């Protein structure tokens, strides 16, 4: 086996991430490749709207302004290759901006682009062909803002094979930004399923930036002293797909089995069938070993034949929203805030009717500071809080409806509760509600086009189309509770956790701090109990999946986010806080075990 090691740094986890990532990785990360992830579904709609106003807009400008402009000379001098999905819905404008920047800096870079993901011009064709929403079966909406397929990694590899120094893509699966360089460097083929799965895990771990190297870690006390300079991740990858996860020296954060494990479980759903365009991944047997300070060896990913389809995401206008906030202070603050919210909704509903604008399509009243996220598990003292934030949100089909709400929300300032102040100056701002549509399209209908230095190049394996299917019925059945005398131990003492979203699903990953804790955690976290914990938020089924390789469990909570993204009025539409709520549960542990573990 080759001793070659390829070092890939994850410099950006989203559009708006700190500029520290590129700085760290380029100054002392010693990386061969820099990858930057900018695109979320809502980002695509924002970019589409920007391009409708300006034909040279529609790409992630941070890539040009905050990454390439300050660092283009260093990138060229050190021959670091860069892959970014910054192209958004206007790849060629992004390319032109980068070419102009290179000319201004006096450097020569071969720029590659991967096109083909943008299907907006084919929306009518897709609608007539029967493209259906994956969850509901609904048809593609009549008016869409963006339509994009999630492409795979082989087109990126082809651009690198042709000598591209910088590769810009539109929508591709996030992990492809890392898998493309590995295909190029190691010559992986479409049938190398285990290696492609391992590469997918590399990408999954580093594409969220510092979140895998100590950011957002459960045990925040271990990392908080270095938050000013939290390190961004580096994957040192071998030809067989095994890799060491680390971070640059002289940075904060932490790379440990638990920080890496939290990120592995982040938003993956069923870890036996994590579907990427080029492979179906099975991460259940992945193992992690601490092999040095801030160095974790990761291996054991398994791959299967890919599916015949790409995922397609479309965004569409779904009305308008407005969310207002008041701070209410003093005795009975919670009761006053709730009554004030109810009164504002009643008052504005009557006004809407009088003006012939119709009803709100959705409303939400939440009390921040009274543990509204905890539902029935809120502490008694929180219900007596003397300082809460009234968060009142509405959706309406027409902009005039939310504009009326905005004016009247502020207009309630002198006519209702005492002891109130605004959380922000001025009226709350109306905004469009962007809905998300996700479907599947045959890969043969989405040809990728790769250009390097303006020249179209052939793409071997441009489409990796197989007949693979997700593994059915891999969920864990409920487990009998612990028998005999038990003590209640906070889950936080037994496990770490991280949560996120998948459309309207919440995903909560839980990892035992020690392997011997896992049995008690499984017994104490039956799906029924998890659903009860989130009964105020979760309307659908809760499913759990076991990952024995890292002593972990993943929970998938259906219908938990009020639609998710910007179409949601929930306080946490992306489920980022759900793990902290779950960690507050107590787990029954046999007394003898708790004593042996030093927990009592």
Protein backbone atom coordinates (compact mmCIF):
# COMPACT_ATOMS: atom_id res chain seq x y z
CA UNK A 1 0.00 0.00 0.00
CA UNK A 2 1.23 3.51 -0.80
CA UNK A 3 2.62 5.64 2.04
CA UNK A 4 1.27 8.76 0.35
CA UNK A 5 -0.72 11.09 2.61
CA UNK A 6 -3.04 13.80 1.27
CA UNK A 7 -3.83 16.67 3.64
CA UNK A 8 -7.18 18.42 3.20
CA UNK A 9 -8.28 21.39 5.29
CA UNK A 10 -11.92 22.33 5.84
CA UNK A 11 -11.91 26.13 5.82
CA UNK A 12 -15.61 27.05 5.76
CA UNK A 13 -18.77 25.36 7.00
CA UNK A 14 -21.32 27.82 5.63
CA UNK A 15 -21.67 31.16 3.88
CA UNK A 16 -20.86 33.58 6.68
CA UNK A 17 -18.28 31.44 8.49
CA UNK A 18 -15.32 33.19 10.12
CA UNK A 19 -12.33 34.23 8.00
CA UNK A 20 -10.05 32.51 10.54
CA UNK A 21 -10.36 29.13 8.77
CA UNK A 22 -8.48 30.02 5.58
CA UNK A 23 -5.95 32.07 7.57
CA UNK A 24 -5.11 29.18 9.93
CA UNK A 25 -4.93 26.51 7.28
CA UNK A 26 -2.89 28.56 4.83
CA UNK A 27 -0.46 30.01 7.36
CA UNK A 28 0.34 26.90 9.38
CA UNK A 29 -1.98 24.07 8.37
CA UNK A 30 0.47 22.59 5.81
CA UNK A 31 -2.43 21.39 3.65
CA UNK A 32 -2.42 20.19 0.06
CA UNK A 33 -6.05 21.13 -0.50
CA UNK A 34 -8.38 23.75 0.92
CA UNK A 35 -12.12 23.06 0.69
CA UNK A 36 -14.88 25.56 1.38
CA UNK A 37 -18.59 24.77 1.72
CA UNK A 38 -21.00 27.67 1.24
CA UNK A 39 -24.31 26.31 0.02
CA UNK A 40 -27.43 25.44 1.95
CA UNK A 41 -30.90 25.21 0.42
CA UNK A 42 -31.87 28.67 1.65
CA UNK A 43 -28.59 30.04 0.28
CA UNK A 44 -29.56 28.87 -3.21
CA UNK A 45 -32.79 30.88 -3.08
CA UNK A 46 -30.95 33.98 -1.85
CA UNK A 47 -28.44 33.65 -4.68
CA UNK A 48 -31.19 33.09 -7.25
CA UNK A 49 -32.94 36.25 -6.09
CA UNK A 50 -29.66 38.20 -6.23
CA UNK A 51 -29.01 37.07 -9.80
CA UNK A 52 -32.51 38.14 -10.87
CA UNK A 53 -31.53 41.69 -9.89
CA UNK A 54 -27.93 41.60 -11.19
CA UNK A 55 -26.69 39.23 -13.93
CA UNK A 56 -23.20 39.26 -12.33
CA UNK A 57 -24.52 38.21 -8.89
CA UNK A 58 -25.67 34.81 -7.68
CA UNK A 59 -22.48 33.33 -6.22
CA UNK A 60 -20.92 33.29 -2.73
CA UNK A 61 -19.05 36.59 -2.71
CA UNK A 62 -17.26 35.71 0.56
CA UNK A 63 -15.14 33.27 -1.44
CA UNK A 64 -13.78 36.10 -3.56
CA UNK A 65 -13.69 38.88 -0.97
CA UNK A 66 -12.69 37.06 2.24
CA UNK A 67 -10.70 34.07 1.00
CA UNK A 68 -9.16 34.55 -2.42
CA UNK A 69 -8.50 38.30 -2.29
CA UNK A 70 -6.32 38.21 0.85
CA UNK A 71 -4.76 34.81 0.17
CA UNK A 72 -4.51 34.31 -3.60
CA UNK A 73 -0.76 35.01 -3.69
CA UNK A 74 -0.07 32.59 -0.83
CA UNK A 75 -2.25 29.93 -2.50
CA UNK A 76 -0.34 30.31 -5.77
CA UNK A 77 3.10 30.35 -4.12
CA UNK A 78 2.45 27.26 -1.98
CA UNK A 79 0.62 25.47 -4.82
CA UNK A 80 -2.36 24.71 -2.59
CA UNK A 81 -5.36 23.63 -4.62
CA UNK A 82 -8.75 25.00 -3.68
CA UNK A 83 -12.20 23.45 -4.15
CA UNK A 84 -15.31 25.49 -3.30
CA UNK A 85 -19.01 25.25 -4.08
CA UNK A 86 -19.05 29.04 -4.24
CA UNK A 87 -20.51 29.14 -7.76
CA UNK A 88 -24.08 29.05 -6.47
CA UNK A 89 -26.38 29.78 -9.40
CA UNK A 90 -23.85 31.82 -11.39
CA UNK A 91 -20.67 29.83 -11.81
CA UNK A 92 -19.35 31.85 -14.71
CA UNK A 93 -19.69 35.16 -12.87
CA UNK A 94 -17.76 33.66 -9.97
CA UNK A 95 -15.09 32.44 -12.40
CA UNK A 96 -14.82 35.87 -14.02
CA UNK A 97 -14.46 37.56 -10.63
CA UNK A 98 -11.71 35.09 -9.69
CA UNK A 99 -9.89 35.59 -13.01
CA UNK A 100 -9.98 39.36 -12.53
CA UNK A 101 -8.63 38.96 -9.01
CA UNK A 102 -5.78 36.72 -10.21
CA UNK A 103 -4.85 39.20 -12.95
CA UNK A 104 -4.86 42.06 -10.45
CA UNK A 105 -2.61 40.05 -8.09
CA UNK A 106 -0.28 39.06 -10.91
CA UNK A 107 -0.65 35.31 -10.39
CA UNK A 108 -1.49 32.57 -12.87
CA UNK A 109 -4.07 30.00 -11.81
CA UNK A 110 -5.93 27.44 -13.89
CA UNK A 111 -9.57 27.71 -12.91
CA UNK A 112 -11.95 24.79 -13.32
CA UNK A 113 -15.73 24.79 -13.11
CA UNK A 114 -18.26 21.99 -12.65
CA UNK A 115 -21.65 22.79 -14.16
CA UNK A 116 -24.86 20.89 -14.77
CA UNK A 117 -26.47 21.04 -11.36
CA UNK A 118 -28.63 24.09 -12.12
CA UNK A 119 -31.94 22.80 -13.49
CA UNK A 120 -34.01 25.97 -13.14
CA UNK A 121 -34.41 26.35 -16.91
CA UNK A 122 -35.76 22.80 -17.02
CA UNK A 123 -38.40 23.29 -14.30
CA UNK A 124 -41.35 22.88 -16.69
CA UNK A 125 -39.82 19.72 -18.13
CA UNK A 126 -39.24 18.27 -14.65
CA UNK A 127 -42.77 19.13 -13.58
CA UNK A 128 -44.31 17.48 -16.62
CA UNK A 129 -42.12 14.40 -16.15
CA UNK A 130 -43.68 13.82 -12.74
CA UNK A 131 -40.90 14.93 -10.38
CA UNK A 132 -42.41 14.33 -6.93
CA UNK A 133 -41.52 15.49 -3.43
CA UNK A 134 -39.74 12.70 -1.55
CA UNK A 135 -41.85 12.88 1.61
CA UNK A 136 -45.27 14.04 0.45
CA UNK A 137 -45.47 13.03 -3.20
CA UNK A 138 -46.46 16.59 -4.14
CA UNK A 139 -45.64 17.97 -7.59
CA UNK A 140 -42.96 20.57 -8.21
CA UNK A 141 -44.51 24.01 -7.48
CA UNK A 142 -45.49 26.14 -10.46
CA UNK A 143 -43.10 28.96 -9.58
CA UNK A 144 -39.68 28.01 -8.27
CA UNK A 145 -36.73 30.20 -7.27
CA UNK A 146 -34.02 27.57 -7.69
CA UNK A 147 -33.75 23.94 -8.79
CA UNK A 148 -30.46 22.12 -8.29
CA UNK A 149 -29.22 18.54 -8.39
CA UNK A 150 -26.60 17.34 -5.93
CA UNK A 151 -23.70 16.22 -8.11
CA UNK A 152 -20.94 13.86 -7.03
CA UNK A 153 -17.15 13.93 -6.78
CA UNK A 154 -15.90 12.52 -10.10
CA UNK A 155 -16.39 15.76 -12.09
CA UNK A 156 -14.27 17.60 -9.50
CA UNK A 157 -11.59 14.92 -9.86
CA UNK A 158 -11.70 15.34 -13.64
CA UNK A 159 -11.04 19.08 -13.30
CA UNK A 160 -8.06 18.35 -11.05
CA UNK A 161 -6.81 15.70 -13.48
CA UNK A 162 -6.84 18.40 -16.18
CA UNK A 163 -4.61 20.63 -14.09
CA UNK A 164 -7.07 22.93 -12.37
CA UNK A 165 -5.60 24.83 -9.41
CA UNK A 166 -9.01 26.12 -8.29
CA UNK A 167 -12.26 24.22 -8.84
CA UNK A 168 -15.55 26.06 -8.43
CA UNK A 169 -18.80 24.13 -8.36
CA UNK A 170 -22.46 24.89 -8.04
CA UNK A 171 -24.56 22.47 -6.03
CA UNK A 172 -22.80 19.24 -5.24
CA UNK A 173 -23.05 17.05 -2.20
CA UNK A 174 -20.92 18.74 0.48
CA UNK A 175 -18.54 15.83 0.99
CA UNK A 176 -17.68 15.76 -2.74
CA UNK A 177 -15.42 18.74 -2.13
CA UNK A 178 -13.07 16.37 -0.28
CA UNK A 179 -13.76 13.16 -2.20
CA UNK A 180 -12.85 14.77 -5.55
CA UNK A 181 -9.22 15.43 -4.53
CA UNK A 182 -8.91 11.90 -3.11
CA UNK A 183 -10.15 10.33 -6.36
CA UNK A 184 -7.61 12.46 -8.22
CA UNK A 185 -4.70 11.72 -5.88
CA UNK A 186 -5.26 8.00 -5.34
CA UNK A 187 -6.92 6.99 -8.60
CA UNK A 188 -10.03 5.61 -6.89
CA UNK A 189 -12.53 4.08 -9.32
CA UNK A 190 -16.35 4.10 -9.22
CA UNK A 191 -16.37 0.51 -7.91
CA UNK A 192 -14.06 1.33 -4.98
CA UNK A 193 -17.08 1.60 -2.73
CA UNK A 194 -15.30 1.27 0.63
CA UNK A 195 -12.75 3.93 -0.29
CA UNK A 196 -15.43 6.27 -1.64
CA UNK A 197 -17.41 5.77 1.56
CA UNK A 198 -14.29 6.53 3.59
CA UNK A 199 -13.76 9.65 1.49
CA UNK A 200 -17.36 10.62 2.09
CA UNK A 201 -16.68 10.39 5.82
CA UNK A 202 -13.62 12.62 5.43
CA UNK A 203 -15.78 15.20 3.72
CA UNK A 204 -18.63 14.83 6.20
CA UNK A 205 -16.28 15.45 9.11
CA UNK A 206 -14.44 18.49 7.77
CA UNK A 207 -17.04 20.27 5.62
CA UNK A 208 -18.61 21.85 8.71
CA UNK A 209 -15.36 23.56 9.60
CA UNK A 210 -14.50 24.00 13.27
CA UNK A 211 -17.57 22.07 14.41
CA UNK A 212 -15.48 18.89 14.17
CA UNK A 213 -12.43 20.27 15.98
CA UNK A 214 -13.94 21.52 19.21
CA UNK A 215 -16.63 23.94 18.05
CA UNK A 216 -20.13 23.36 19.48
CA UNK A 217 -18.73 20.53 21.66
CA UNK A 218 -20.86 19.26 24.55
CA UNK A 219 -17.97 19.62 27.01
CA UNK A 220 -17.51 23.28 26.22
CA UNK A 221 -15.43 23.87 29.34
CA UNK A 222 -12.61 21.91 27.68
CA UNK A 223 -12.46 24.28 24.71
CA UNK A 224 -13.72 27.69 25.85
CA UNK A 225 -10.27 29.06 26.68
CA UNK A 226 -9.41 28.90 22.98
CA UNK A 227 -12.67 30.10 21.41
CA UNK A 228 -11.01 33.23 20.08
CA UNK A 229 -9.01 31.01 17.69
CA UNK A 230 -10.83 27.67 17.46
CA UNK A 231 -8.87 25.45 15.11
CA UNK A 232 -10.24 24.31 11.76
CA UNK A 233 -9.94 20.63 10.80
CA UNK A 234 -7.30 18.88 8.73
CA UNK A 235 -7.72 15.32 7.42
CA UNK A 236 -4.52 13.41 6.66
CA UNK A 237 -5.81 10.73 4.32
CA UNK A 238 -4.17 7.46 3.21
CA UNK A 239 -4.85 5.58 -0.02
CA UNK A 240 -7.11 3.03 1.72
CA UNK A 241 -9.35 5.83 3.01
CA UNK A 242 -8.25 5.69 6.64
CA UNK A 243 -7.29 9.09 7.96
CA UNK A 244 -6.06 11.06 10.93
CA UNK A 245 -8.22 14.01 11.91
CA UNK A 246 -6.26 16.90 13.39
CA UNK A 247 -6.01 20.72 13.38
CA UNK A 248 -3.27 23.30 12.88
CA UNK A 249 -0.85 23.99 15.73
CA UNK A 250 -1.21 27.22 17.69
CA UNK A 251 -5.01 27.05 17.54
CA UNK A 252 -7.76 26.50 20.07
CA UNK A 253 -10.39 23.81 19.98
CA UNK A 254 -9.95 20.07 20.46
CA UNK A 255 -9.74 17.01 18.26
CA UNK A 256 -10.78 13.95 20.25
CA UNK A 257 -12.78 10.79 19.78
CA UNK A 258 -15.80 12.59 21.20
CA UNK A 259 -15.53 15.79 19.12
CA UNK A 260 -15.06 13.71 15.96
CA UNK A 261 -17.85 11.34 16.97
CA UNK A 262 -20.29 14.17 17.54
CA UNK A 263 -19.65 15.47 14.05
CA UNK A 264 -19.91 12.01 12.45
CA UNK A 265 -23.44 11.68 13.80
CA UNK A 266 -24.41 15.19 12.73
CA UNK A 267 -27.44 15.05 10.42
CA UNK A 268 -26.70 11.57 9.00
CA UNK A 269 -30.02 9.84 9.69
CA UNK A 270 -29.56 6.08 9.22
CA UNK A 271 -25.79 5.52 9.37
CA UNK A 272 -26.12 2.20 7.53
CA UNK A 273 -27.54 3.97 4.49
CA UNK A 274 -26.04 7.44 4.22
CA UNK A 275 -26.64 8.12 0.54
CA UNK A 276 -24.12 10.09 -1.52
CA UNK A 277 -24.17 10.43 -5.31
CA UNK A 278 -21.23 8.05 -5.80
CA UNK A 279 -21.81 5.51 -3.01
CA UNK A 280 -24.15 4.40 -0.23
CA UNK A 281 -22.16 4.68 3.01
CA UNK A 282 -22.32 2.47 6.07
CA UNK A 283 -20.66 4.20 9.03
CA UNK A 284 -21.91 1.83 11.74
CA UNK A 285 -18.55 0.04 12.10
CA UNK A 286 -16.37 3.13 11.93
CA UNK A 287 -13.81 3.20 14.73
CA UNK A 288 -11.97 6.15 16.26
CA UNK A 289 -8.73 6.02 18.21
CA UNK A 290 -6.84 8.82 19.92
CA UNK A 291 -3.29 8.51 18.56
CA UNK A 292 -1.81 11.76 19.84
CA UNK A 293 -2.72 15.21 21.09
CA UNK A 294 -5.48 16.49 18.79
CA UNK A 295 -4.99 13.46 16.51
CA UNK A 296 -7.70 10.84 15.96
CA UNK A 297 -7.31 7.84 13.64
CA UNK A 298 -10.57 7.04 11.85
CA UNK A 299 -11.28 3.95 9.74
CA UNK A 300 -13.87 1.29 9.02
CA UNK A 301 -16.31 2.97 6.63
CA UNK A 302 -18.06 0.54 4.29
CA UNK A 303 -19.57 1.38 0.90
CA UNK A 304 -22.19 -0.11 -1.39
CA UNK A 305 -23.31 0.45 -4.96
CA UNK A 306 -24.78 3.94 -5.50
CA UNK A 307 -28.37 4.67 -6.41
CA UNK A 308 -29.65 5.50 -9.88
CA UNK A 309 -30.80 8.98 -8.87
CA UNK A 310 -29.58 12.36 -7.76
CA UNK A 311 -31.33 14.33 -5.08
CA UNK A 312 -32.86 17.53 -6.42
CA UNK A 313 -33.72 20.49 -4.21
CA UNK A 314 -35.96 23.34 -5.30
CA UNK A 315 -36.94 26.48 -3.44
CA UNK A 316 -40.14 28.44 -3.92
CA UNK A 317 -41.96 31.42 -2.45
CA UNK A 318 -44.43 30.28 0.20
CA UNK A 319 -45.79 33.60 1.43
CA UNK A 320 -44.34 36.07 3.90
CA UNK A 321 -43.22 36.03 7.52
CA UNK A 322 -42.64 38.43 10.36
CA UNK A 323 -41.28 37.75 13.85
CA UNK A 324 -41.39 40.31 16.65
CA UNK A 325 -39.73 40.25 20.08
CA UNK A 326 -40.52 42.09 23.32
CA UNK A 327 -38.66 41.73 26.62
CA UNK A 328 -41.06 41.54 29.58
CA UNK A 329 -39.59 42.09 33.05
CA UNK A 330 -40.98 41.69 36.56
CA UNK A 331 -43.34 39.52 38.58
CA UNK A 332 -45.58 37.23 36.50
CA UNK A 333 -43.53 38.09 33.41
CA UNK A 334 -44.36 34.76 31.78
CA UNK A 335 -48.14 35.18 32.19
CA UNK A 336 -48.05 38.78 31.00
CA UNK A 337 -45.96 37.88 27.96
CA UNK A 338 -48.30 35.07 26.95
CA UNK A 339 -51.38 37.25 27.33
CA UNK A 340 -49.77 40.07 25.37
CA UNK A 341 -48.90 37.72 22.54
CA UNK A 342 -52.44 36.38 22.43
CA UNK A 343 -53.86 39.91 22.42
CA UNK A 344 -51.62 41.05 19.54
CA UNK A 345 -52.66 38.03 17.46
CA UNK A 346 -56.34 38.63 18.22
CA UNK A 347 -56.09 42.35 17.48
CA UNK A 348 -54.27 41.90 14.18
CA UNK A 349 -56.49 39.00 13.08
CA UNK A 350 -59.49 41.29 13.43
CA UNK A 351 -57.74 44.02 11.45
CA UNK A 352 -56.82 41.59 8.67
CA UNK A 353 -60.45 40.57 8.39
CA UNK A 354 -61.60 44.19 8.28
CA UNK A 355 -59.19 44.93 5.44
CA UNK A 356 -60.12 41.81 3.49
CA UNK A 357 -56.66 40.30 3.72
CA UNK A 358 -57.73 36.93 5.09
CA UNK A 359 -56.28 34.90 7.93
CA UNK A 360 -52.72 34.17 8.94
CA UNK A 361 -51.50 30.93 7.43
CA UNK A 362 -49.51 30.15 10.59
CA UNK A 363 -48.74 31.72 13.97
CA UNK A 364 -46.35 30.93 16.80
CA UNK A 365 -46.09 32.28 20.36
CA UNK A 366 -42.96 31.38 22.32
CA UNK A 367 -41.56 32.56 25.63
CA UNK A 368 -37.77 32.62 25.62
CA UNK A 369 -36.36 32.44 29.13
CA UNK A 370 -39.16 30.22 30.45
CA UNK A 371 -37.61 27.02 29.03
CA UNK A 372 -40.16 26.72 26.22
CA UNK A 373 -37.86 24.25 24.43
CA UNK A 374 -38.14 21.86 27.38
CA UNK A 375 -41.94 21.52 27.33
CA UNK A 376 -43.17 19.40 30.25
CA UNK A 377 -39.59 19.10 31.53
CA UNK A 378 -39.21 22.81 32.18
CA UNK A 379 -38.01 23.54 35.73
CA UNK A 380 -40.47 25.15 38.15
CA UNK A 381 -38.15 28.10 38.74
CA UNK A 382 -38.05 28.81 35.00
CA UNK A 383 -41.82 29.16 34.98
CA UNK A 384 -41.42 31.92 37.58
CA UNK A 385 -38.78 33.80 35.60
CA UNK A 386 -38.87 37.55 36.07
CA UNK A 387 -37.42 38.21 32.62
CA UNK A 388 -38.70 36.60 29.44
CA UNK A 389 -38.73 37.39 25.73
CA UNK A 390 -42.06 37.23 23.93
CA UNK A 391 -41.28 35.86 20.49
CA UNK A 392 -44.33 36.20 18.26
CA UNK A 393 -44.26 35.01 14.66
CA UNK A 394 -46.76 34.94 11.81
CA UNK A 395 -47.00 33.77 8.21
CA UNK A 396 -49.40 35.27 5.71
CA UNK A 397 -49.91 34.65 1.97
CA UNK A 398 -49.58 38.37 1.22
CA UNK A 399 -46.87 40.83 2.14
CA UNK A 400 -49.54 43.34 3.23
CA UNK A 401 -50.63 40.89 5.92
CA UNK A 402 -47.24 40.71 7.62
CA UNK A 403 -46.66 44.43 7.19
CA UNK A 404 -49.86 45.04 9.18
CA UNK A 405 -48.57 42.69 11.88
CA UNK A 406 -45.20 44.48 11.97
CA UNK A 407 -46.83 47.86 12.55
CA UNK A 408 -49.29 46.61 15.12
CA UNK A 409 -46.73 44.57 17.03
CA UNK A 410 -44.79 47.73 17.84
CA UNK A 411 -48.11 49.54 18.22
CA UNK A 412 -48.92 47.42 21.27
CA UNK A 413 -46.08 48.98 23.24
CA UNK A 414 -48.22 51.40 25.28
CA UNK A 415 -51.52 49.54 25.51
CA UNK A 416 -50.83 46.16 27.10
CA UNK A 417 -48.29 44.83 29.63
CA UNK A 418 -46.18 46.94 31.97
CA UNK A 419 -42.43 46.43 32.15
CA UNK A 420 -41.67 45.87 28.46
CA UNK A 421 -38.82 46.93 26.22
CA UNK A 422 -37.85 46.16 22.67
CA UNK A 423 -35.20 43.57 21.94
CA UNK A 424 -34.15 45.47 18.81
CA UNK A 425 -34.93 48.99 17.59
CA UNK A 426 -37.73 49.67 15.14
CA UNK A 427 -40.43 47.47 13.69
CA UNK A 428 -39.84 43.77 13.03
CA UNK A 429 -38.91 43.18 9.44
CA UNK A 430 -41.17 41.23 7.06
CA UNK A 431 -39.40 38.64 4.92
CA UNK A 432 -40.32 36.10 2.25
CA UNK A 433 -40.96 32.51 3.32
CA UNK A 434 -38.91 30.14 1.18
CA UNK A 435 -40.26 26.61 0.92
CA UNK A 436 -38.10 23.58 0.18
CA UNK A 437 -38.97 20.82 -2.29
CA UNK A 438 -36.78 17.70 -2.43
CA UNK A 439 -37.12 15.01 -5.09
CA UNK A 440 -35.15 12.43 -7.05
CA UNK A 441 -34.09 12.49 -10.70
CA UNK A 442 -32.41 9.83 -12.80
CA UNK A 443 -28.70 10.57 -13.06
CA UNK A 444 -28.76 10.10 -16.82
CA UNK A 445 -30.89 13.26 -17.06
CA UNK A 446 -28.23 15.44 -15.40
CA UNK A 447 -24.99 15.55 -17.41
CA UNK A 448 -22.11 17.32 -15.68
CA UNK A 449 -19.98 19.74 -17.72
CA UNK A 450 -16.39 20.40 -16.64
CA UNK A 451 -14.29 23.26 -17.97
CA UNK A 452 -10.68 24.10 -17.15
CA UNK A 453 -9.23 27.42 -18.29
CA UNK A 454 -12.34 27.86 -20.42
CA UNK A 455 -11.95 24.57 -22.27
CA UNK A 456 -14.53 21.79 -21.95
CA UNK A 457 -12.85 18.54 -20.97
CA UNK A 458 -14.05 14.92 -21.04
CA UNK A 459 -15.21 13.54 -17.70
CA UNK A 460 -14.54 9.87 -17.06
CA UNK A 461 -17.25 8.47 -14.82
CA UNK A 462 -19.21 11.72 -14.93
CA UNK A 463 -22.26 9.71 -13.89
CA UNK A 464 -21.83 6.95 -11.30
CA UNK A 465 -25.20 5.30 -11.71
CA UNK A 466 -26.00 2.08 -9.90
CA UNK A 467 -28.99 0.20 -8.62
CA UNK A 468 -28.14 0.45 -4.93
CA UNK A 469 -30.92 0.79 -2.37
CA UNK A 470 -30.96 1.87 1.27
CA UNK A 471 -30.88 -1.02 3.71
CA UNK A 472 -34.41 -1.53 4.99
CA UNK A 473 -35.48 -1.96 8.60
CA UNK A 474 -32.17 -1.10 10.23
CA UNK A 475 -33.76 0.80 13.09
CA UNK A 476 -33.28 -0.45 16.67
CA UNK A 477 -36.25 -1.98 18.43
CA UNK A 478 -37.23 -0.73 21.89
CA UNK A 479 -35.26 -2.20 24.78
CA UNK A 480 -36.54 -3.27 28.18
CA UNK A 481 -35.63 -0.84 30.99
CA UNK A 482 -32.95 -1.74 33.50
CA UNK A 483 -34.20 -4.17 36.17
CA UNK A 484 -33.52 -4.11 39.93
CA UNK A 485 -32.47 -1.19 42.09
CA UNK A 486 -31.42 1.79 40.02
CA UNK A 487 -30.22 5.33 40.48
CA UNK A 488 -30.97 8.17 38.11
CA UNK A 489 -27.87 9.54 36.39
CA UNK A 490 -28.05 12.62 34.13
CA UNK A 491 -27.49 11.63 30.50
CA UNK A 492 -24.91 14.43 30.37
CA UNK A 493 -22.69 12.40 32.71
CA UNK A 494 -22.95 9.32 30.49
CA UNK A 495 -22.80 10.80 26.99
CA UNK A 496 -22.13 13.71 24.68
CA UNK A 497 -24.58 14.70 21.95
CA UNK A 498 -25.06 16.88 18.88
CA UNK A 499 -28.18 17.70 16.90
CA UNK A 500 -29.20 19.22 13.58
CA UNK A 501 -31.82 19.10 10.87
CA UNK A 502 -32.74 17.17 7.76
CA UNK A 503 -35.66 19.01 6.18
CA UNK A 504 -38.51 18.58 8.65
CA UNK A 505 -36.58 15.94 10.63
CA UNK A 506 -34.51 16.58 13.74
CA UNK A 507 -31.39 14.41 14.08
CA UNK A 508 -29.85 13.83 17.52
CA UNK A 509 -26.63 11.83 17.85
CA UNK A 510 -25.63 10.47 21.27
CA UNK A 511 -22.20 8.95 22.05
CA UNK A 512 -21.39 7.11 25.26
CA UNK A 513 -18.46 8.63 27.13
CA UNK A 514 -17.30 5.09 27.88
CA UNK A 515 -18.25 1.89 26.00
CA UNK A 516 -19.66 0.33 29.16
CA UNK A 517 -22.24 3.13 29.46
CA UNK A 518 -23.94 2.30 26.17
CA UNK A 519 -26.24 -0.48 27.42
CA UNK A 520 -27.77 1.76 30.08
CA UNK A 521 -28.17 4.61 27.60
CA UNK A 522 -29.95 2.35 25.12
CA UNK A 523 -32.29 1.07 27.82
CA UNK A 524 -33.00 4.57 29.11
CA UNK A 525 -33.57 6.26 25.75
CA UNK A 526 -36.35 4.30 24.13
CA UNK A 527 -37.82 6.09 21.10
CA UNK A 528 -41.07 6.57 23.02
CA UNK A 529 -39.23 8.42 25.78
CA UNK A 530 -37.39 10.63 23.32
CA UNK A 531 -40.67 11.53 21.64
CA UNK A 532 -42.20 12.34 25.02
CA UNK A 533 -39.24 14.63 25.73
CA UNK A 534 -40.07 16.60 22.57
CA UNK A 535 -43.85 16.15 22.53
CA UNK A 536 -44.36 19.90 22.21
CA UNK A 537 -42.28 19.86 18.99
CA UNK A 538 -42.36 16.37 17.44
CA UNK A 539 -45.48 15.23 15.63
CA UNK A 540 -44.06 12.24 13.79
CA UNK A 541 -42.28 8.99 14.59
CA UNK A 542 -38.96 8.75 16.44
CA UNK A 543 -36.53 6.17 15.07
CA UNK A 544 -33.16 5.22 16.55
CA UNK A 545 -30.12 3.64 14.96
CA UNK A 546 -27.11 2.01 16.61
CA UNK A 547 -23.48 2.77 15.70
CA UNK A 548 -21.51 0.20 17.71
CA UNK A 549 -18.16 1.27 16.26
CA UNK A 550 -18.24 4.55 18.21
CA UNK A 551 -20.67 3.39 20.94
CA UNK A 552 -23.29 5.75 19.60
CA UNK A 553 -27.01 6.05 18.88
CA UNK A 554 -28.67 8.29 16.33
CA UNK A 555 -32.25 9.47 16.70
CA UNK A 556 -34.36 10.72 13.81
CA UNK A 557 -37.44 12.73 14.85
CA UNK A 558 -39.98 13.12 12.04
CA UNK A 559 -42.19 16.21 11.64
CA UNK A 560 -40.30 18.13 14.32
CA UNK A 561 -39.34 21.47 12.78
CA UNK A 562 -42.56 23.06 11.55
CA UNK A 563 -41.35 22.47 8.00
CA UNK A 564 -37.73 23.39 8.77
CA UNK A 565 -35.53 26.22 7.55
CA UNK A 566 -37.07 29.62 6.93
CA UNK A 567 -40.51 28.10 6.41
CA UNK A 568 -40.56 27.32 10.16
CA UNK A 569 -41.68 29.57 12.98
CA UNK A 570 -40.07 27.39 15.63
CA UNK A 571 -37.56 28.99 17.97
CA UNK A 572 -35.01 26.45 16.69
CA UNK A 573 -35.93 25.55 13.10
CA UNK A 574 -32.66 23.63 12.58
CA UNK A 575 -32.75 21.51 15.77
CA UNK A 576 -29.35 22.79 16.90
CA UNK A 577 -30.47 22.91 20.55
CA UNK A 578 -32.30 19.58 20.72
CA UNK A 579 -29.24 17.70 21.97
CA UNK A 580 -28.98 19.97 24.99
CA UNK A 581 -32.62 19.31 25.84
CA UNK A 582 -32.11 15.54 25.58
CA UNK A 583 -28.96 15.63 27.70
CA UNK A 584 -31.03 16.91 30.63
CA UNK A 585 -32.90 13.59 30.92
CA UNK A 586 -32.05 11.17 33.71
CA UNK A 587 -31.01 7.61 32.83
CA UNK A 588 -31.78 4.71 35.20
CA UNK A 589 -28.55 2.85 36.01
CA UNK A 590 -28.29 -0.23 38.27
CA UNK A 591 -26.88 0.81 41.64
CA UNK A 592 -24.02 -1.66 41.44
CA UNK A 593 -22.95 -0.37 38.04
CA UNK A 594 -23.22 3.26 39.06
CA UNK A 595 -21.04 2.54 42.09
CA UNK A 596 -18.48 0.66 39.99
CA UNK A 597 -18.35 3.55 37.52
CA UNK A 598 -17.90 6.11 40.29
CA UNK A 599 -21.14 7.90 39.42
CA UNK A 600 -22.61 7.77 42.95
